[in-house]
């Protein structure tokens, strides 16, 4: 059972997300930083460099199964907007 399968506590923040490459479809579980945005991510399968979609603060918000920690805590985006 993974952390995403467990009921979420009121203030619990999930720190792992599955990033899926929109180019090749490869998915990889990654740990999310709690103190910074991750603007770039290189796909481990096809080496495509992922960048956030317009309006998203990081690659986890654009391509992950779980939003970044600041968005989970409803603090806006990683960038403080």
Foldseek 3Di string as FASTA:
>chain_A
DDPVPDDADPLDFDQWWWFADPVPGDTDIDGADQQAAAQWDQDPPPRDIDGADPPAQHSCCRGTPGHHRCVVVVQRHRVRD
